[in-house]
Protein backbone atom coordinates (compact mmCIF):
# COMPACT_ATOMS: atom_id res chain seq x y z
CA UNK A 1 116.81 87.94 74.20
CA UNK A 2 114.06 90.48 73.70
CA UNK A 3 113.62 93.12 76.37
CA UNK A 4 110.03 92.02 76.93
CA UNK A 5 111.30 88.52 77.80
CA UNK A 6 113.86 90.03 80.17
CA UNK A 7 111.15 92.02 81.94
CA UNK A 8 109.11 88.86 82.47
CA UNK A 9 112.17 86.99 83.72
CA UNK A 10 113.54 89.68 86.07
CA UNK A 11 110.44 91.20 87.60
CA UNK A 12 108.31 88.60 89.33
CA UNK A 13 105.41 90.88 90.19
CA UNK A 14 102.41 88.80 89.16
CA UNK A 15 101.39 88.29 92.80
CA UNK A 16 101.17 91.97 93.74
CA UNK A 17 97.66 92.66 94.99
CA UNK A 18 97.97 96.37 94.26
CA UNK A 19 97.88 95.76 90.49
CA UNK A 20 94.38 95.83 89.10
CA UNK A 21 93.72 94.39 85.65
CA UNK A 22 95.04 96.92 83.17
CA UNK A 23 95.94 96.98 79.51
CA UNK A 24 99.65 97.21 80.33
CA UNK A 25 101.41 94.03 81.44
CA UNK A 26 102.47 93.96 85.09
CA UNK A 27 106.21 93.52 84.34
CA UNK A 28 106.13 96.61 82.11
CA UNK A 29 104.39 98.65 84.81
CA UNK A 30 106.88 97.43 87.42
CA UNK A 31 109.74 98.32 85.05
CA UNK A 32 108.31 101.83 84.70
CA UNK A 33 108.09 102.18 88.48
CA UNK A 34 111.73 101.06 88.76
CA UNK A 35 112.79 103.57 86.08
CA UNK A 36 111.08 106.35 88.00
CA UNK A 37 112.69 105.16 91.24
CA UNK A 38 116.15 105.43 89.65
CA UNK A 39 115.59 109.13 89.03
CA UNK A 40 113.91 109.24 85.63
CA UNK A 41 111.12 111.78 85.41
CA UNK A 42 107.62 110.64 84.45
CA UNK A 43 108.12 111.99 80.93
CA UNK A 44 111.54 110.34 80.60
CA UNK A 45 109.99 107.05 81.74
CA UNK A 46 107.21 107.54 79.19
CA UNK A 47 109.80 108.06 76.42
CA UNK A 48 111.79 104.97 77.41
CA UNK A 49 108.61 102.87 77.41
CA UNK A 50 107.76 104.29 73.98
CA UNK A 51 111.09 102.92 72.73
CA UNK A 52 109.83 99.50 73.83
CA UNK A 53 106.56 99.95 71.99
CA UNK A 54 104.52 100.79 75.10
CA UNK A 55 102.71 104.09 74.62
CA UNK A 56 101.21 105.34 77.86
CA UNK A 57 100.72 108.83 79.26
CA UNK A 58 102.89 110.24 81.99
CA UNK A 59 99.68 110.48 84.08
CA UNK A 60 99.23 106.70 83.82
CA UNK A 61 102.83 106.19 84.93
CA UNK A 62 102.21 108.62 87.82
CA UNK A 63 99.29 106.43 88.91
CA UNK A 64 101.39 103.26 88.67
CA UNK A 65 104.14 104.84 90.78
CA UNK A 66 101.77 105.97 93.51
CA UNK A 67 99.67 102.82 93.49
CA UNK A 68 102.65 100.59 94.22
CA UNK A 69 104.94 102.91 96.18
CA UNK A 70 104.60 100.80 99.34
CA UNK A 71 104.01 97.47 97.63
CA UNK A 72 107.22 97.07 95.63
CA UNK A 73 110.49 96.61 97.47
CA UNK A 74 113.60 98.55 96.56
CA UNK A 75 115.44 97.23 93.52
CA UNK A 76 117.63 94.32 94.54
CA UNK A 77 121.32 94.84 95.10
CA UNK A 78 123.70 92.45 93.41
CA UNK A 79 127.31 91.35 93.29
CA UNK A 80 127.67 90.68 89.56
CA UNK A 81 130.78 89.20 87.97
CA UNK A 82 130.09 90.40 84.40
CA UNK A 83 128.33 93.70 83.79
CA UNK A 84 127.35 94.95 80.34
CA UNK A 85 127.13 98.75 80.06
CA UNK A 86 125.95 100.77 77.08
CA UNK A 87 124.29 104.04 76.16
CA UNK A 88 122.02 105.27 73.41
CA UNK A 89 120.53 108.57 72.29
CA UNK A 90 116.78 109.14 72.63
CA UNK A 91 114.62 112.13 71.83
CA UNK A 92 112.54 113.30 74.81
CA UNK A 93 110.18 116.23 74.26
CA UNK A 94 112.12 117.23 71.16
CA UNK A 95 115.49 117.25 72.96
CA UNK A 96 118.22 114.63 72.68
CA UNK A 97 119.05 112.73 75.86
CA UNK A 98 121.26 109.75 76.60
CA UNK A 99 120.04 106.57 78.32
CA UNK A 100 122.73 104.60 80.15
CA UNK A 101 121.98 101.00 81.17
CA UNK A 102 123.82 98.24 83.00
CA UNK A 103 122.89 94.55 83.24
CA UNK A 104 124.33 91.52 85.01
CA UNK A 105 124.97 89.24 82.03
CA UNK A 106 124.70 86.06 84.08
CA UNK A 107 121.40 86.69 85.90
CA UNK A 108 119.97 89.14 83.31
CA UNK A 109 119.15 91.52 86.18
CA UNK A 110 118.84 95.11 85.02
CA UNK A 111 121.16 96.83 87.48
CA UNK A 112 120.42 100.47 86.68
CA UNK A 113 119.06 102.88 84.08
CA UNK A 114 119.79 106.60 84.05
CA UNK A 115 118.95 109.41 81.62
CA UNK A 116 121.39 112.28 81.06
CA UNK A 117 121.06 115.39 78.94
CA UNK A 118 124.67 115.04 77.78
CA UNK A 119 126.84 112.32 76.35
CA UNK A 120 130.40 112.10 77.57
CA UNK A 121 132.86 110.86 80.10
CA UNK A 122 131.24 112.92 82.89
CA UNK A 123 127.87 111.24 82.32
CA UNK A 124 129.48 107.79 82.09
CA UNK A 125 131.40 108.37 85.32
CA UNK A 126 128.27 109.63 87.11
CA UNK A 127 126.31 106.58 85.95
CA UNK A 128 129.04 104.12 86.95
CA UNK A 129 129.50 105.88 90.30
CA UNK A 130 125.79 105.53 91.12
CA UNK A 131 125.92 101.91 89.97
CA UNK A 132 128.86 101.25 92.32
CA UNK A 133 126.90 102.77 95.23
CA UNK A 134 123.97 100.40 94.65
CA UNK A 135 125.84 97.16 93.92
CA UNK A 136 129.00 95.33 94.96
CA UNK A 137 131.17 95.70 91.86
CA UNK A 138 134.50 94.73 93.46
CA UNK A 139 134.82 91.52 91.40
CA UNK A 140 132.94 92.70 88.31
CA UNK A 141 134.31 92.66 84.78
CA UNK A 142 132.65 95.36 82.68
CA UNK A 143 131.81 94.73 79.05
CA UNK A 144 131.77 98.07 77.26
CA UNK A 145 132.37 99.48 73.82
CA UNK A 146 135.36 101.68 73.03
CA UNK A 147 133.64 104.93 74.04
CA UNK A 148 135.43 106.83 76.86
CA UNK A 149 134.62 104.34 79.59
CA UNK A 150 138.28 103.80 80.50
CA UNK A 151 138.51 107.36 81.80
CA UNK A 152 135.21 106.93 83.66
CA UNK A 153 136.42 103.68 85.25
CA UNK A 154 139.64 105.37 86.34
CA UNK A 155 137.76 108.31 87.89
CA UNK A 156 135.69 106.10 90.18
CA UNK A 157 138.26 103.38 90.85
CA UNK A 158 136.76 100.50 88.85
CA UNK A 159 138.54 98.28 86.37
CA UNK A 160 136.98 97.82 82.95
CA UNK A 161 137.53 95.52 80.01
CA UNK A 162 136.79 96.31 76.40
CA UNK A 163 135.02 93.40 74.77
CA UNK A 164 134.32 93.67 71.06
CA UNK A 165 133.87 89.96 70.38
CA UNK A 166 130.88 89.39 72.65
CA UNK A 167 128.20 91.95 71.81
CA UNK A 168 126.70 92.85 75.13
CA UNK A 169 123.01 92.36 75.84
CA UNK A 170 122.15 96.02 76.19
CA UNK A 171 123.69 96.89 72.84
CA UNK A 172 121.55 94.18 71.22
CA UNK A 173 118.44 95.57 72.92
CA UNK A 174 119.16 99.08 71.76
CA UNK A 175 119.58 97.82 68.19
CA UNK A 176 116.27 95.93 68.31
CA UNK A 177 114.47 99.06 69.53
CA UNK A 178 115.63 101.25 66.66
């Protein structure tokens, strides 16, 4: 499934009165607002959108964030049973950063996105810890690649499962973006 299809499926924002007709689709703008709400800076959000083929200025994203700050509810919490987690390197302002994502594979809900300046077990554990604070992961099975997620799971008290046979959704998205 293409990320653009996922955005249309997950973010039902067509009825928001605060959105005026713009050249950027409403689900993409709502996705950018959600990215910023998860802690991404305006420039990091701009870079992530650029990976999706959406080239907008950080000033435009600033306007989207402030136009809908009271109109969009907090991201939904979930109790997923299968969570796909992956990371990829992106260049932001000439520096390499790492984007970590998690998705509920059954509902296709994007659970969280976070950008780190380093790649490693510490970043993975921080991402998974924040994910566990937002969502009920007590019954979740995590689909991850072989990268050091086992140590990260141990650090925060989650159980993980390596799954090489079923390529997770996020990994497919990252490959379609490159």
